[in-house]
Amino acid sequence: MNLKRHPLAPRELRWSRLDQRPAIAWLTGLSGAGKSTIATAADRILIAGGRHSAVLDGDNLRLGLNADLSFTPADRAENVRRVAEVARLMAEIGTVVIVSLISPFRADRVLARRIAGDIPFLEVFVDTPVSVCARRDSKGLYARARSGAIASFTGVSAPYEAPDEPDLILRTDGATVTASAEPLCTALLQLSAR
């Protein structure tokens, strides 16, 4: 392979200009757990507080960058790998990155953390019972999965491996969006402080 990493401007210079350090928060949980909602709320809070942040949302990425991937275990692993690589690139330029991705397999999340390298990485488990997720499901995915119209649906006909030791657990059943986002924001503000 004739590839060589091209040297870029020193990342510390970028970080000092932004007056922050980067971090990656990886929100994992079932479909309907509240990952995207919490990620978006946290992003708005961070921006309002002067942080440069961004959300990498699973659905948005599957409409573009990862549109060629299915939901087989191999393609799910590739989805996680690609998202982790993008998150790392964004963090290198100083961004606080919030990833919202089901990422059902522990091994794939371990890989995401490894790709983050020396960038602070928070595995955040959005812990919501499947019954609550199904009740919240505006897309009708759980009903379609239970009827057999969707094969290999995480939490119904495909496994979800909850994190063994997440850095943060957000329980959203009965909690407001703000109450769910606040602990994430607190952690990210601490990690990104210079």
N, C-alpha and C. Protein backbone atom coordinates (compact mmCIF):
# COMPACT_ATOMS: atom_id res chain seq x y z
N MET A 1 0.85 -1.16 0.00
CA MET A 1 0.00 0.00 0.00
C MET A 1 0.91 1.24 0.00
N ASN A 2 0.63 2.15 -0.89
CA ASN A 2 1.44 3.35 -1.03
C ASN A 2 0.79 4.56 -0.38
N LEU A 3 0.45 4.40 0.89
CA LEU A 3 -0.20 5.49 1.61
C LEU A 3 0.70 5.98 2.73
N LYS A 4 0.66 7.25 2.97
CA LYS A 4 1.44 7.85 4.04
C LYS A 4 0.59 8.96 4.66
N ARG A 5 0.53 8.98 5.99
CA ARG A 5 -0.26 10.00 6.67
C ARG A 5 0.35 11.37 6.42
N HIS A 6 -0.48 12.29 5.95
CA HIS A 6 -0.01 13.64 5.65
C HIS A 6 0.00 14.47 6.92
N PRO A 7 1.12 15.12 7.24
CA PRO A 7 1.16 15.93 8.46
C PRO A 7 0.25 17.16 8.35
N LEU A 8 -0.45 17.44 9.41
CA LEU A 8 -1.37 18.58 9.46
C LEU A 8 -0.84 19.61 10.45
N ALA A 9 -1.48 20.74 10.50
CA ALA A 9 -1.12 21.76 11.50
C ALA A 9 -1.24 21.14 12.88
N PRO A 10 -0.39 21.54 13.81
CA PRO A 10 -0.45 20.96 15.16
C PRO A 10 -1.85 21.10 15.77
N ARG A 11 -2.37 20.00 16.23
CA ARG A 11 -3.73 20.02 16.76
C ARG A 11 -3.84 20.90 17.99
N GLU A 12 -2.80 20.95 18.80
CA GLU A 12 -2.85 21.79 20.00
C GLU A 12 -3.04 23.26 19.65
N LEU A 13 -2.51 23.68 18.50
CA LEU A 13 -2.71 25.06 18.04
C LEU A 13 -4.19 25.31 17.75
N ARG A 14 -4.82 24.38 17.06
CA ARG A 14 -6.26 24.50 16.79
C ARG A 14 -7.05 24.52 18.10
N TRP A 15 -6.70 23.63 19.00
CA TRP A 15 -7.44 23.54 20.25
C TRP A 15 -7.31 24.82 21.06
N SER A 16 -6.12 25.41 21.05
CA SER A 16 -5.95 26.65 21.80
C SER A 16 -6.75 27.79 21.17
N ARG A 17 -6.85 27.81 19.84
CA ARG A 17 -7.66 28.83 19.16
C ARG A 17 -9.13 28.69 19.52
N LEU A 18 -9.58 27.46 19.68
CA LEU A 18 -10.97 27.21 20.05
C LEU A 18 -11.20 27.37 21.55
N ASP A 19 -10.10 27.42 22.29
CA ASP A 19 -10.15 27.49 23.75
C ASP A 19 -10.91 26.31 24.35
N GLN A 20 -10.65 25.14 23.81
CA GLN A 20 -11.25 23.92 24.33
C GLN A 20 -10.41 22.72 23.90
N ARG A 21 -10.65 21.63 24.56
CA ARG A 21 -10.06 20.35 24.18
C ARG A 21 -11.19 19.49 23.60
N PRO A 22 -10.88 18.58 22.71
CA PRO A 22 -11.92 17.75 22.13
C PRO A 22 -12.29 16.58 23.04
N ALA A 23 -13.41 15.98 22.72
CA ALA A 23 -13.86 14.76 23.40
C ALA A 23 -14.87 14.08 22.48
N ILE A 24 -15.02 12.79 22.67
CA ILE A 24 -16.03 12.02 21.94
C ILE A 24 -16.95 11.36 22.95
N ALA A 25 -18.24 11.61 22.83
CA ALA A 25 -19.25 10.91 23.63
C ALA A 25 -19.98 9.96 22.70
N TRP A 26 -19.97 8.69 23.02
CA TRP A 26 -20.57 7.66 22.17
C TRP A 26 -21.84 7.17 22.85
N LEU A 27 -23.01 7.65 22.38
CA LEU A 27 -24.29 7.25 22.96
C LEU A 27 -24.77 5.97 22.30
N THR A 28 -24.96 4.95 23.11
CA THR A 28 -25.43 3.66 22.63
C THR A 28 -26.70 3.28 23.37
N GLY A 29 -27.57 2.56 22.71
CA GLY A 29 -28.83 2.13 23.31
C GLY A 29 -29.78 1.69 22.21
N LEU A 30 -30.91 1.18 22.61
CA LEU A 30 -31.89 0.68 21.65
C LEU A 30 -32.49 1.81 20.81
N SER A 31 -33.09 1.43 19.69
CA SER A 31 -33.85 2.38 18.89
C SER A 31 -34.99 2.92 19.75
N GLY A 32 -35.13 4.23 19.79
CA GLY A 32 -36.18 4.85 20.60
C GLY A 32 -35.77 5.13 22.04
N ALA A 33 -34.52 4.84 22.38
CA ALA A 33 -34.05 5.06 23.76
C ALA A 33 -33.94 6.55 24.08
N GLY A 34 -33.72 7.37 23.05
CA GLY A 34 -33.58 8.80 23.26
C GLY A 34 -32.19 9.32 22.92
N LYS A 35 -31.38 8.50 22.28
CA LYS A 35 -30.01 8.90 21.95
C LYS A 35 -29.95 10.17 21.12
N SER A 36 -30.67 10.21 20.02
CA SER A 36 -30.62 11.38 19.13
C SER A 36 -31.18 12.62 19.81
N THR A 37 -32.25 12.45 20.55
CA THR A 37 -32.86 13.58 21.25
C THR A 37 -31.90 14.16 22.29
N ILE A 38 -31.27 13.28 23.05
CA ILE A 38 -30.31 13.73 24.07
C ILE A 38 -29.09 14.36 23.40
N ALA A 39 -28.60 13.74 22.33
CA ALA A 39 -27.42 14.27 21.62
C ALA A 39 -27.69 15.67 21.11
N THR A 40 -28.85 15.88 20.51
CA THR A 40 -29.21 17.19 19.97
C THR A 40 -29.35 18.22 21.08
N ALA A 41 -29.99 17.83 22.18
CA ALA A 41 -30.16 18.75 23.31
C ALA A 41 -28.80 19.12 23.91
N ALA A 42 -27.94 18.12 24.08
CA ALA A 42 -26.61 18.39 24.64
C ALA A 42 -25.81 19.29 23.71
N ASP A 43 -25.90 19.04 22.42
CA ASP A 43 -25.19 19.86 21.44
C ASP A 43 -25.63 21.33 21.55
N ARG A 44 -26.92 21.57 21.66
CA ARG A 44 -27.43 22.94 21.78
C ARG A 44 -26.94 23.61 23.07
N ILE A 45 -26.93 22.84 24.16
CA ILE A 45 -26.46 23.39 25.43
C ILE A 45 -24.97 23.74 25.34
N LEU A 46 -24.19 22.84 24.74
CA LEU A 46 -22.75 23.08 24.61
C LEU A 46 -22.48 24.30 23.72
N ILE A 47 -23.18 24.40 22.61
CA ILE A 47 -23.00 25.55 21.71
C ILE A 47 -23.36 26.85 22.43
N ALA A 48 -24.49 26.83 23.15
CA ALA A 48 -24.90 28.02 23.90
C ALA A 48 -23.86 28.41 24.94
N GLY A 49 -23.12 27.42 25.45
CA GLY A 49 -22.08 27.68 26.43
C GLY A 49 -20.73 27.99 25.82
N GLY A 50 -20.69 28.15 24.50
CA GLY A 50 -19.45 28.54 23.84
C GLY A 50 -18.57 27.41 23.35
N ARG A 51 -19.03 26.18 23.45
CA ARG A 51 -18.25 25.04 22.95
C ARG A 51 -18.54 24.81 21.47
N HIS A 52 -17.53 24.31 20.78
CA HIS A 52 -17.68 23.88 19.39
C HIS A 52 -17.98 22.39 19.44
N SER A 53 -19.20 22.03 19.08
CA SER A 53 -19.60 20.63 19.17
C SER A 53 -20.38 20.25 17.92
N ALA A 54 -20.55 18.95 17.75
CA ALA A 54 -21.29 18.44 16.60
C ALA A 54 -21.86 17.07 16.95
N VAL A 55 -22.96 16.71 16.29
CA VAL A 55 -23.60 15.41 16.47
C VAL A 55 -23.41 14.59 15.22
N LEU A 56 -22.98 13.35 15.41
CA LEU A 56 -22.97 12.36 14.33
C LEU A 56 -24.11 11.39 14.64
N ASP A 57 -25.21 11.53 13.92
CA ASP A 57 -26.41 10.74 14.17
C ASP A 57 -26.48 9.56 13.22
N GLY A 58 -26.80 8.40 13.76
CA GLY A 58 -26.83 7.16 12.97
C GLY A 58 -27.74 7.23 11.76
N ASP A 59 -28.96 7.74 11.92
CA ASP A 59 -29.88 7.83 10.78
C ASP A 59 -29.32 8.77 9.71
N ASN A 60 -28.82 9.93 10.13
CA ASN A 60 -28.27 10.87 9.16
C ASN A 60 -27.10 10.26 8.39
N LEU A 61 -26.25 9.54 9.08
CA LEU A 61 -25.09 8.94 8.42
C LEU A 61 -25.50 7.81 7.48
N ARG A 62 -26.55 7.09 7.82
CA ARG A 62 -27.02 6.02 6.94
C ARG A 62 -27.72 6.57 5.70
N LEU A 63 -28.09 7.84 5.72
CA LEU A 63 -28.67 8.47 4.53
C LEU A 63 -27.59 8.98 3.58
N GLY A 64 -26.35 8.98 4.02
CA GLY A 64 -25.26 9.51 3.20
C GLY A 64 -24.04 8.62 3.24
N LEU A 65 -23.11 8.94 4.12
CA LEU A 65 -21.83 8.24 4.21
C LEU A 65 -21.98 6.71 4.26
N ASN A 66 -22.94 6.23 5.00
CA ASN A 66 -23.10 4.79 5.20
C ASN A 66 -24.34 4.22 4.50
N ALA A 67 -24.79 4.90 3.45
CA ALA A 67 -25.98 4.45 2.72
C ALA A 67 -25.80 3.09 2.06
N ASP A 68 -24.56 2.70 1.85
CA ASP A 68 -24.29 1.42 1.19
C ASP A 68 -24.28 0.24 2.16
N LEU A 69 -24.50 0.47 3.43
CA LEU A 69 -24.43 -0.60 4.43
C LEU A 69 -25.82 -1.10 4.81
N SER A 70 -25.89 -2.41 5.04
CA SER A 70 -27.14 -3.02 5.51
C SER A 70 -27.07 -3.13 7.04
N PHE A 71 -27.87 -4.02 7.60
CA PHE A 71 -27.90 -4.18 9.04
C PHE A 71 -27.40 -5.56 9.46
N THR A 72 -26.58 -6.19 8.62
CA THR A 72 -25.94 -7.44 9.02
C THR A 72 -24.89 -7.12 10.08
N PRO A 73 -24.48 -8.10 10.87
CA PRO A 73 -23.43 -7.83 11.87
C PRO A 73 -22.16 -7.23 11.24
N ALA A 74 -21.76 -7.72 10.08
CA ALA A 74 -20.55 -7.19 9.42
C ALA A 74 -20.74 -5.74 9.01
N ASP A 75 -21.90 -5.41 8.45
CA ASP A 75 -22.15 -4.03 8.04
C ASP A 75 -22.36 -3.11 9.24
N ARG A 76 -22.93 -3.63 10.31
CA ARG A 76 -23.04 -2.83 11.53
C ARG A 76 -21.65 -2.49 12.07
N ALA A 77 -20.76 -3.47 12.03
CA ALA A 77 -19.37 -3.24 12.48
C ALA A 77 -18.70 -2.18 11.61
N GLU A 78 -18.92 -2.26 10.31
CA GLU A 78 -18.33 -1.27 9.40
C GLU A 78 -18.95 0.11 9.64
N ASN A 79 -20.23 0.15 9.93
CA ASN A 79 -20.90 1.42 10.25
C ASN A 79 -20.22 2.07 11.46
N VAL A 80 -20.01 1.29 12.51
CA VAL A 80 -19.36 1.81 13.71
C VAL A 80 -17.94 2.26 13.39
N ARG A 81 -17.20 1.47 12.64
CA ARG A 81 -15.82 1.82 12.31
C ARG A 81 -15.75 3.15 11.56
N ARG A 82 -16.60 3.31 10.55
CA ARG A 82 -16.61 4.56 9.79
C ARG A 82 -16.95 5.75 10.66
N VAL A 83 -17.97 5.59 11.48
CA VAL A 83 -18.40 6.70 12.34
C VAL A 83 -17.29 7.04 13.33
N ALA A 84 -16.63 6.04 13.87
CA ALA A 84 -15.53 6.29 14.81
C ALA A 84 -14.38 7.03 14.12
N GLU A 85 -14.10 6.67 12.88
CA GLU A 85 -13.03 7.36 12.15
C GLU A 85 -13.40 8.82 11.90
N VAL A 86 -14.64 9.08 11.54
CA VAL A 86 -15.09 10.46 11.32
C VAL A 86 -15.06 11.24 12.64
N ALA A 87 -15.52 10.60 13.71
CA ALA A 87 -15.50 11.26 15.02
C ALA A 87 -14.08 11.62 15.41
N ARG A 88 -13.14 10.73 15.15
CA ARG A 88 -11.73 11.00 15.48
C ARG A 88 -11.21 12.19 14.67
N LEU A 89 -11.51 12.21 13.37
CA LEU A 89 -11.06 13.33 12.53
C LEU A 89 -11.63 14.66 13.03
N MET A 90 -12.91 14.65 13.39
CA MET A 90 -13.54 15.87 13.89
C MET A 90 -12.94 16.28 15.23
N ALA A 91 -12.65 15.31 16.08
CA ALA A 91 -12.05 15.62 17.38
C ALA A 91 -10.63 16.17 17.21
N GLU A 92 -9.91 15.66 16.24
CA GLU A 92 -8.55 16.15 16.00
C GLU A 92 -8.52 17.66 15.74
N ILE A 93 -9.58 18.19 15.16
CA ILE A 93 -9.60 19.64 14.90
C ILE A 93 -10.22 20.41 16.07
N GLY A 94 -10.49 19.71 17.16
CA GLY A 94 -10.92 20.37 18.38
C GLY A 94 -12.38 20.29 18.72
N THR A 95 -13.16 19.59 17.93
CA THR A 95 -14.60 19.52 18.14
C THR A 95 -14.97 18.54 19.25
N VAL A 96 -15.97 18.89 20.03
CA VAL A 96 -16.59 17.95 20.95
C VAL A 96 -17.63 17.20 20.13
N VAL A 97 -17.45 15.90 19.97
CA VAL A 97 -18.29 15.10 19.07
C VAL A 97 -19.22 14.22 19.90
N ILE A 98 -20.50 14.28 19.58
CA ILE A 98 -21.49 13.44 20.23
C ILE A 98 -22.03 12.47 19.18
N VAL A 99 -21.76 11.20 19.37
CA VAL A 99 -22.20 10.16 18.43
C VAL A 99 -23.47 9.53 18.98
N SER A 100 -24.48 9.41 18.13
CA SER A 100 -25.74 8.77 18.50
C SER A 100 -25.92 7.57 17.57
N LEU A 101 -25.63 6.38 18.09
CA LEU A 101 -25.59 5.19 17.24
C LEU A 101 -25.96 3.97 18.08
N ILE A 102 -26.90 3.17 17.63
CA ILE A 102 -27.28 1.98 18.39
C ILE A 102 -26.04 1.16 18.75
N SER A 103 -25.18 0.91 17.79
CA SER A 103 -23.95 0.14 17.99
C SER A 103 -24.15 -1.00 18.99
N PRO A 104 -24.88 -2.05 18.58
CA PRO A 104 -25.35 -3.06 19.52
C PRO A 104 -24.29 -4.01 20.08
N PHE A 105 -23.11 -4.05 19.48
CA PHE A 105 -22.13 -5.05 19.90
C PHE A 105 -20.97 -4.42 20.67
N ARG A 106 -20.64 -5.01 21.80
CA ARG A 106 -19.55 -4.50 22.64
C ARG A 106 -18.24 -4.39 21.88
N ALA A 107 -17.92 -5.41 21.10
CA ALA A 107 -16.64 -5.42 20.37
C ALA A 107 -16.52 -4.21 19.44
N ASP A 108 -17.61 -3.82 18.83
CA ASP A 108 -17.58 -2.66 17.93
C ASP A 108 -17.35 -1.37 18.72
N ARG A 109 -17.96 -1.28 19.91
CA ARG A 109 -17.74 -0.09 20.74
C ARG A 109 -16.32 -0.04 21.30
N VAL A 110 -15.75 -1.21 21.57
CA VAL A 110 -14.34 -1.26 21.99
C VAL A 110 -13.46 -0.75 20.85
N LEU A 111 -13.79 -1.14 19.63
CA LEU A 111 -13.04 -0.65 18.47
C LEU A 111 -13.17 0.87 18.34
N ALA A 112 -14.37 1.40 18.54
CA ALA A 112 -14.57 2.85 18.46
C ALA A 112 -13.69 3.57 19.47
N ARG A 113 -13.60 3.05 20.68
CA ARG A 113 -12.75 3.65 21.71
C ARG A 113 -11.28 3.57 21.29
N ARG A 114 -10.90 2.44 20.71
CA ARG A 114 -9.51 2.29 20.26
C ARG A 114 -9.19 3.28 19.14
N ILE A 115 -10.12 3.49 18.23
CA ILE A 115 -9.92 4.45 17.13
C ILE A 115 -9.78 5.87 17.70
N ALA A 116 -10.50 6.18 18.76
CA ALA A 116 -10.40 7.51 19.39
C ALA A 116 -8.98 7.77 19.89
N GLY A 117 -8.26 6.72 20.20
CA GLY A 117 -6.87 6.87 20.62
C GLY A 117 -6.75 7.71 21.87
N ASP A 118 -5.99 8.81 21.80
CA ASP A 118 -5.76 9.64 22.98
C ASP A 118 -6.81 10.73 23.17
N ILE A 119 -7.84 10.73 22.32
CA ILE A 119 -8.96 11.67 22.50
C ILE A 119 -9.86 11.11 23.61
N PRO A 120 -10.21 11.92 24.62
CA PRO A 120 -11.11 11.42 25.66
C PRO A 120 -12.40 10.86 25.05
N PHE A 121 -12.78 9.68 25.50
CA PHE A 121 -13.91 8.94 24.93
C PHE A 121 -14.83 8.51 26.06
N LEU A 122 -16.10 8.90 25.97
CA LEU A 122 -17.11 8.50 26.95
C LEU A 122 -18.08 7.53 26.30
N GLU A 123 -18.17 6.33 26.83
CA GLU A 123 -19.23 5.43 26.39
C GLU A 123 -20.44 5.72 27.27
N VAL A 124 -21.52 6.16 26.63
CA VAL A 124 -22.73 6.58 27.34
C VAL A 124 -23.86 5.62 27.00
N PHE A 125 -24.32 4.91 28.00
CA PHE A 125 -25.42 3.96 27.81
C PHE A 125 -26.74 4.66 28.08
N VAL A 126 -27.54 4.83 27.04
CA VAL A 126 -28.88 5.40 27.19
C VAL A 126 -29.78 4.20 27.49
N ASP A 127 -29.98 3.98 28.77
CA ASP A 127 -30.62 2.78 29.30
C ASP A 127 -32.12 2.99 29.41
N THR A 128 -32.83 2.49 28.43
CA THR A 128 -34.28 2.65 28.38
C THR A 128 -34.90 1.28 28.11
N PRO A 129 -35.88 0.85 28.91
CA PRO A 129 -36.50 -0.45 28.68
C PRO A 129 -37.10 -0.56 27.28
N VAL A 130 -37.04 -1.76 26.72
CA VAL A 130 -37.54 -1.97 25.35
C VAL A 130 -39.02 -1.60 25.25
N SER A 131 -39.79 -1.82 26.31
CA SER A 131 -41.22 -1.48 26.28
C SER A 131 -41.42 0.03 26.11
N VAL A 132 -40.57 0.83 26.75
CA VAL A 132 -40.64 2.28 26.62
C VAL A 132 -40.20 2.69 25.22
N CYS A 133 -39.14 2.08 24.73
CA CYS A 133 -38.66 2.38 23.37
C CYS A 133 -39.76 2.10 22.34
N ALA A 134 -40.44 0.98 22.50
CA ALA A 134 -41.51 0.62 21.56
C ALA A 134 -42.66 1.61 21.64
N ARG A 135 -42.98 2.09 22.84
CA ARG A 135 -44.05 3.07 23.02
C ARG A 135 -43.69 4.40 22.35
N ARG A 136 -42.42 4.77 22.38
CA ARG A 136 -41.97 6.03 21.80
C ARG A 136 -41.79 5.96 20.29
N ASP A 137 -41.81 4.79 19.73
CA ASP A 137 -41.40 4.55 18.34
C ASP A 137 -42.33 5.22 17.32
N SER A 138 -41.91 6.40 16.87
CA SER A 138 -42.72 7.16 15.90
C SER A 138 -42.64 6.58 14.50
N LYS A 139 -41.63 5.75 14.23
CA LYS A 139 -41.46 5.17 12.89
C LYS A 139 -42.20 3.84 12.73
N GLY A 140 -42.70 3.29 13.82
CA GLY A 140 -43.40 2.00 13.75
C GLY A 140 -42.47 0.81 13.55
N LEU A 141 -41.20 0.98 13.88
CA LEU A 141 -40.22 -0.09 13.63
C LEU A 141 -40.43 -1.30 14.51
N TYR A 142 -40.76 -1.09 15.78
CA TYR A 142 -40.95 -2.23 16.69
C TYR A 142 -42.14 -3.08 16.24
N ALA A 143 -43.24 -2.44 15.86
CA ALA A 143 -44.41 -3.19 15.40
C ALA A 143 -44.08 -3.96 14.13
N ARG A 144 -43.35 -3.32 13.23
CA ARG A 144 -42.97 -4.00 11.99
C ARG A 144 -42.02 -5.15 12.26
N ALA A 145 -41.12 -4.98 13.21
CA ALA A 145 -40.19 -6.06 13.56
C ALA A 145 -40.93 -7.23 14.20
N ARG A 146 -41.88 -6.92 15.07
CA ARG A 146 -42.63 -7.99 15.74
C ARG A 146 -43.53 -8.75 14.77
N SER A 147 -43.94 -8.07 13.69
CA SER A 147 -44.78 -8.75 12.69
C SER A 147 -43.93 -9.52 11.68
N GLY A 148 -42.61 -9.36 11.76
CA GLY A 148 -41.72 -10.06 10.84
C GLY A 148 -41.36 -9.25 9.60
N ALA A 149 -41.88 -8.03 9.50
CA ALA A 149 -41.60 -7.21 8.32
C ALA A 149 -40.18 -6.67 8.32
N ILE A 150 -39.55 -6.58 9.49
CA ILE A 150 -38.15 -6.17 9.59
C ILE A 150 -37.39 -7.31 10.27
N ALA A 151 -36.45 -7.87 9.56
CA ALA A 151 -35.62 -8.94 10.13
C ALA A 151 -34.45 -8.32 10.88
N SER A 152 -33.96 -9.01 11.87
CA SER A 152 -32.77 -8.59 12.63
C SER A 152 -32.90 -7.18 13.18
N PHE A 153 -33.97 -6.92 13.90
CA PHE A 153 -34.16 -5.62 14.52
C PHE A 153 -33.67 -5.68 15.97
N THR A 154 -32.74 -4.81 16.30
CA THR A 154 -32.12 -4.80 17.61
C THR A 154 -33.15 -4.64 18.72
N GLY A 155 -33.09 -5.54 19.68
CA GLY A 155 -34.02 -5.51 20.82
C GLY A 155 -35.24 -6.36 20.63
N VAL A 156 -35.50 -6.79 19.38
CA VAL A 156 -36.65 -7.66 19.10
C VAL A 156 -36.15 -9.00 18.55
N SER A 157 -35.54 -8.97 17.38
CA SER A 157 -35.07 -10.20 16.74
C SER A 157 -33.56 -10.23 16.56
N ALA A 158 -32.87 -9.25 17.09
CA ALA A 158 -31.41 -9.20 17.06
C ALA A 158 -30.93 -8.72 18.43
N PRO A 159 -29.77 -9.18 18.85
CA PRO A 159 -29.31 -8.86 20.20
C PRO A 159 -28.80 -7.43 20.36
N TYR A 160 -28.87 -6.96 21.60
CA TYR A 160 -28.20 -5.73 22.00
C TYR A 160 -27.36 -6.08 23.21
N GLU A 161 -26.07 -5.83 23.13
CA GLU A 161 -25.15 -6.10 24.23
C GLU A 161 -24.92 -4.80 25.00
N ALA A 162 -25.58 -4.69 26.12
CA ALA A 162 -25.43 -3.48 26.95
C ALA A 162 -23.98 -3.36 27.41
N PRO A 163 -23.49 -2.14 27.56
CA PRO A 163 -22.12 -1.96 28.05
C PRO A 163 -21.93 -2.57 29.43
N ASP A 164 -20.79 -3.21 29.64
CA ASP A 164 -20.46 -3.78 30.96
C ASP A 164 -20.14 -2.68 31.96
N GLU A 165 -19.33 -1.73 31.53
CA GLU A 165 -18.90 -0.64 32.42
C GLU A 165 -18.90 0.68 31.66
N PRO A 166 -20.08 1.22 31.35
CA PRO A 166 -20.13 2.49 30.63
C PRO A 166 -19.57 3.62 31.51
N ASP A 167 -19.10 4.65 30.86
CA ASP A 167 -18.59 5.81 31.59
C ASP A 167 -19.73 6.63 32.19
N LEU A 168 -20.91 6.52 31.56
CA LEU A 168 -22.08 7.27 32.02
C LEU A 168 -23.32 6.50 31.64
N ILE A 169 -24.29 6.44 32.54
CA ILE A 169 -25.58 5.81 32.25
C ILE A 169 -26.66 6.89 32.34
N LEU A 170 -27.46 6.99 31.29
CA LEU A 170 -28.60 7.91 31.27
C LEU A 170 -29.87 7.07 31.22
N ARG A 171 -30.68 7.17 32.25
CA ARG A 171 -31.96 6.47 32.28
C ARG A 171 -33.04 7.47 31.90
N THR A 172 -33.69 7.23 30.79
CA THR A 172 -34.60 8.25 30.25
C THR A 172 -36.07 8.01 30.58
N ASP A 173 -36.40 6.85 31.10
CA ASP A 173 -37.79 6.55 31.41
C ASP A 173 -38.27 7.48 32.53
N GLY A 174 -39.17 8.39 32.20
CA GLY A 174 -39.71 9.32 33.18
C GLY A 174 -38.88 10.57 33.37
N ALA A 175 -37.76 10.69 32.64
CA ALA A 175 -36.91 11.87 32.77
C ALA A 175 -37.16 12.84 31.62
N THR A 176 -37.00 14.12 31.87
CA THR A 176 -37.12 15.10 30.80
C THR A 176 -35.88 15.04 29.93
N VAL A 177 -35.97 15.60 28.74
CA VAL A 177 -34.81 15.65 27.84
C VAL A 177 -33.68 16.42 28.50
N THR A 178 -34.00 17.55 29.11
CA THR A 178 -32.97 18.37 29.77
C THR A 178 -32.30 17.60 30.90
N ALA A 179 -33.08 16.92 31.71
CA ALA A 179 -32.52 16.13 32.82
C ALA A 179 -31.63 15.02 32.30
N SER A 180 -31.96 14.46 31.15
CA SER A 180 -31.14 13.41 30.55
C SER A 180 -29.86 13.98 29.95
N ALA A 181 -29.94 15.18 29.38
CA ALA A 181 -28.78 15.78 28.71
C ALA A 181 -27.79 16.40 29.67
N GLU A 182 -28.25 16.86 30.82
CA GLU A 182 -27.38 17.60 31.75
C GLU A 182 -26.15 16.82 32.21
N PRO A 183 -26.28 15.55 32.64
CA PRO A 183 -25.07 14.83 33.06
C PRO A 183 -24.06 14.66 31.92
N LEU A 184 -24.56 14.49 30.71
CA LEU A 184 -23.67 14.38 29.55
C LEU A 184 -22.95 15.70 29.32
N CYS A 185 -23.67 16.80 29.38
CA CYS A 185 -23.05 18.12 29.21
C CYS A 185 -22.01 18.39 30.28
N THR A 186 -22.33 18.06 31.51
CA THR A 186 -21.38 18.26 32.61
C THR A 186 -20.09 17.51 32.34
N ALA A 187 -20.20 16.25 31.95
CA ALA A 187 -19.01 15.44 31.66
C ALA A 187 -18.22 16.02 30.49
N LEU A 188 -18.92 16.44 29.43
CA LEU A 188 -18.23 16.97 28.26
C LEU A 188 -17.60 18.33 28.54
N LEU A 189 -18.25 19.15 29.33
CA LEU A 189 -17.66 20.44 29.69
C LEU A 189 -16.38 20.24 30.50
N GLN A 190 -16.37 19.26 31.39
CA GLN A 190 -15.16 18.97 32.16
C GLN A 190 -14.04 18.46 31.25
N LEU A 191 -14.36 17.56 30.35
CA LEU A 191 -13.34 17.00 29.46
C LEU A 191 -12.78 18.02 28.48
N SER A 192 -13.62 18.96 28.07
CA SER A 192 -13.19 19.90 27.03
C SER A 192 -12.59 21.19 27.60
N ALA A 193 -12.59 21.32 28.92
CA ALA A 193 -12.01 22.54 29.52
C ALA A 193 -10.50 22.55 29.33
N ARG A 194 -9.96 23.74 29.06
CA ARG A 194 -8.50 23.88 28.91
C ARG A 194 -7.85 24.23 30.22
